[in-house]
Protein backbone atom coordinates (compact mmCIF):
# COMPACT_ATOMS: atom_id res chain seq x y z
CA MET A 1 -1.28 -8.63 4.93
CA HIS A 2 2.34 -10.42 5.20
CA LEU A 3 5.37 -8.28 6.14
CA GLU A 4 8.65 -9.21 5.69
CA ASN A 5 10.63 -6.92 8.00
CA ALA A 6 14.17 -6.23 7.20
CA GLY A 7 15.23 -3.82 10.00
CA LYS A 8 15.50 -1.60 6.76
CA GLN A 9 12.65 0.85 8.02
CA ASP A 10 10.05 1.38 9.90
CA VAL A 11 7.56 -1.25 10.58
CA TYR A 12 4.66 1.21 10.14
CA LEU A 13 6.51 2.43 7.21
CA GLU A 14 6.28 -0.87 6.14
CA ILE A 15 2.52 -1.27 6.56
CA ALA A 16 2.48 1.94 4.86
CA GLY A 17 3.84 1.48 1.58
CA LYS A 18 1.98 -2.31 1.21
CA LEU A 19 -1.44 -0.99 1.84
CA GLU A 20 -0.18 2.17 -0.52
CA SER A 21 0.71 -0.91 -3.40
CA TYR A 22 -2.40 -2.56 -2.82
CA ILE A 23 -4.61 0.55 -3.38
CA LEU A 24 -2.17 1.73 -6.44
CA GLN A 25 -2.81 -1.52 -8.09
CA GLY A 26 -6.69 -1.91 -7.12
CA LEU A 27 -6.74 -4.47 -4.57
CA TYR A 28 -8.42 -1.94 -2.79
CA ALA A 29 -10.83 0.32 -4.53
CA THR A 30 -12.16 3.21 -3.48
CA GLY A 31 -15.10 3.71 -1.02
CA ASP A 32 -13.49 0.74 0.46
CA LYS A 33 -12.48 0.26 4.15
CA LEU A 34 -9.93 -1.24 5.32
CA PRO A 35 -9.81 -3.96 7.89
CA SER A 36 -9.45 -1.82 11.82
CA VAL A 37 -6.67 -0.99 13.12
CA ARG A 38 -7.16 -3.20 16.11
CA ALA A 39 -7.92 -6.58 13.52
CA LEU A 40 -5.09 -5.33 11.23
CA ALA A 41 -2.61 -5.10 14.31
CA SER A 42 -3.55 -8.24 15.78
CA GLU A 43 -3.13 -10.16 12.14
CA LEU A 44 0.37 -8.56 11.73
CA GLY A 45 1.28 -9.07 15.31
CA VAL A 46 2.21 -5.47 16.19
CA ASN A 47 0.82 -2.45 18.35
CA PRO A 48 -2.61 -0.82 16.68
CA ASN A 49 -0.06 2.71 17.52
CA THR A 50 1.90 0.69 14.57
CA VAL A 51 -1.03 0.45 12.72
CA ALA A 52 -2.74 3.86 13.52
CA LYS A 53 0.90 5.55 11.87
CA ALA A 54 0.52 3.74 9.24
CA TYR A 55 -3.24 4.88 8.90
CA SER A 56 -1.71 8.25 8.94
CA VAL A 57 0.72 7.94 6.48
CA LEU A 58 -1.55 6.81 4.29
CA GLU A 59 -4.14 10.11 4.95
CA GLU A 60 -0.92 12.31 5.03
CA LYS A 61 -1.17 10.84 0.70
CA GLN A 62 -4.78 11.57 0.35
CA LEU A 63 -5.13 7.83 -0.57
CA ILE A 64 -8.04 7.28 2.48
CA HIS A 65 -9.69 9.11 5.50
CA ALA A 66 -10.45 7.77 8.62
CA LEU A 67 -13.14 8.41 10.35
CA PRO A 68 -13.12 8.17 13.90
CA LYS A 69 -15.12 5.10 15.14
CA LYS A 70 -16.17 4.35 11.83
CA GLY A 71 -12.62 3.06 10.14
CA ALA A 72 -10.47 3.84 7.54
CA TYR A 73 -11.55 4.67 3.54
CA VAL A 74 -9.85 4.34 0.44
CA THR A 75 -10.52 7.86 -1.20
CA PHE A 76 -7.54 7.52 -4.07
CA SER A 77 -9.38 6.47 -7.24
CA SER A 78 -7.13 6.97 -10.27
CA ASP A 79 -9.66 8.58 -12.19
CA ASN A 80 -8.56 12.04 -9.04
CA GLN A 81 -4.89 10.79 -10.24
CA LYS A 82 -2.90 14.01 -11.99
CA GLY A 83 -0.15 12.73 -14.25
CA ALA A 84 1.52 9.00 -13.87
CA ALA A 85 0.80 6.91 -10.68
CA ASP A 86 4.17 6.78 -8.07
CA LEU A 87 4.80 2.65 -9.35
CA ARG A 88 7.76 2.74 -6.69
CA PRO A 89 5.63 1.12 -4.25
CA LEU A 90 4.61 -1.73 -6.19
CA LEU A 91 8.24 -1.48 -7.68
CA GLU A 92 9.52 -2.02 -4.17
CA ASP A 93 7.22 -5.15 -2.99
CA LEU A 94 8.26 -6.73 -7.08
CA LYS A 95 11.73 -6.92 -5.10
CA ARG A 96 11.67 -8.08 -2.51
CA GLN A 97 9.41 -10.60 -3.87
CA GLY A 98 12.68 -11.23 -5.61
CA VAL A 99 11.40 -10.49 -9.51
CA ARG A 100 14.59 -9.28 -11.27
CA TYR A 101 14.76 -6.49 -13.54
CA ASP A 102 15.21 -8.01 -16.58
CA ASP A 103 11.77 -9.83 -16.39
CA LEU A 104 10.48 -6.92 -15.04
CA ILE A 105 11.58 -4.67 -17.94
CA SER A 106 10.80 -7.63 -20.92
CA GLN A 107 7.31 -7.93 -19.20
CA ALA A 108 6.29 -4.42 -18.88
CA LYS A 109 7.87 -4.07 -22.60
CA GLU A 110 5.60 -6.49 -23.92
CA VAL A 111 2.85 -5.08 -22.48
CA PHE A 112 3.56 -1.66 -23.84
CA GLU A 113 3.76 -2.82 -27.19
CA LYS A 114 0.42 -4.01 -27.98
């Protein structure tokens, strides 16, 4: 995972947002174990408390469940979801990556008009 903290939001929110987008995209499936707090903190070069706070945000959103000394596991399933997915984290990530609005809309039309 790569962070691009531009100082616009707290680092833990950026980490939570990135992980949330990975979960919603299916990169982490239901039952998958997330990296340990220490391992992810080391990889990102942040304090373990920052990652723990990000995991707490995801737990509040009922996307993961953290078990003391066992790790954090994805609990989100698209089967559980009522209504449409919240695509904001994915869209924000695409925007940060430089995807243009017009390109996004044209590709979405192609997919949905098939």
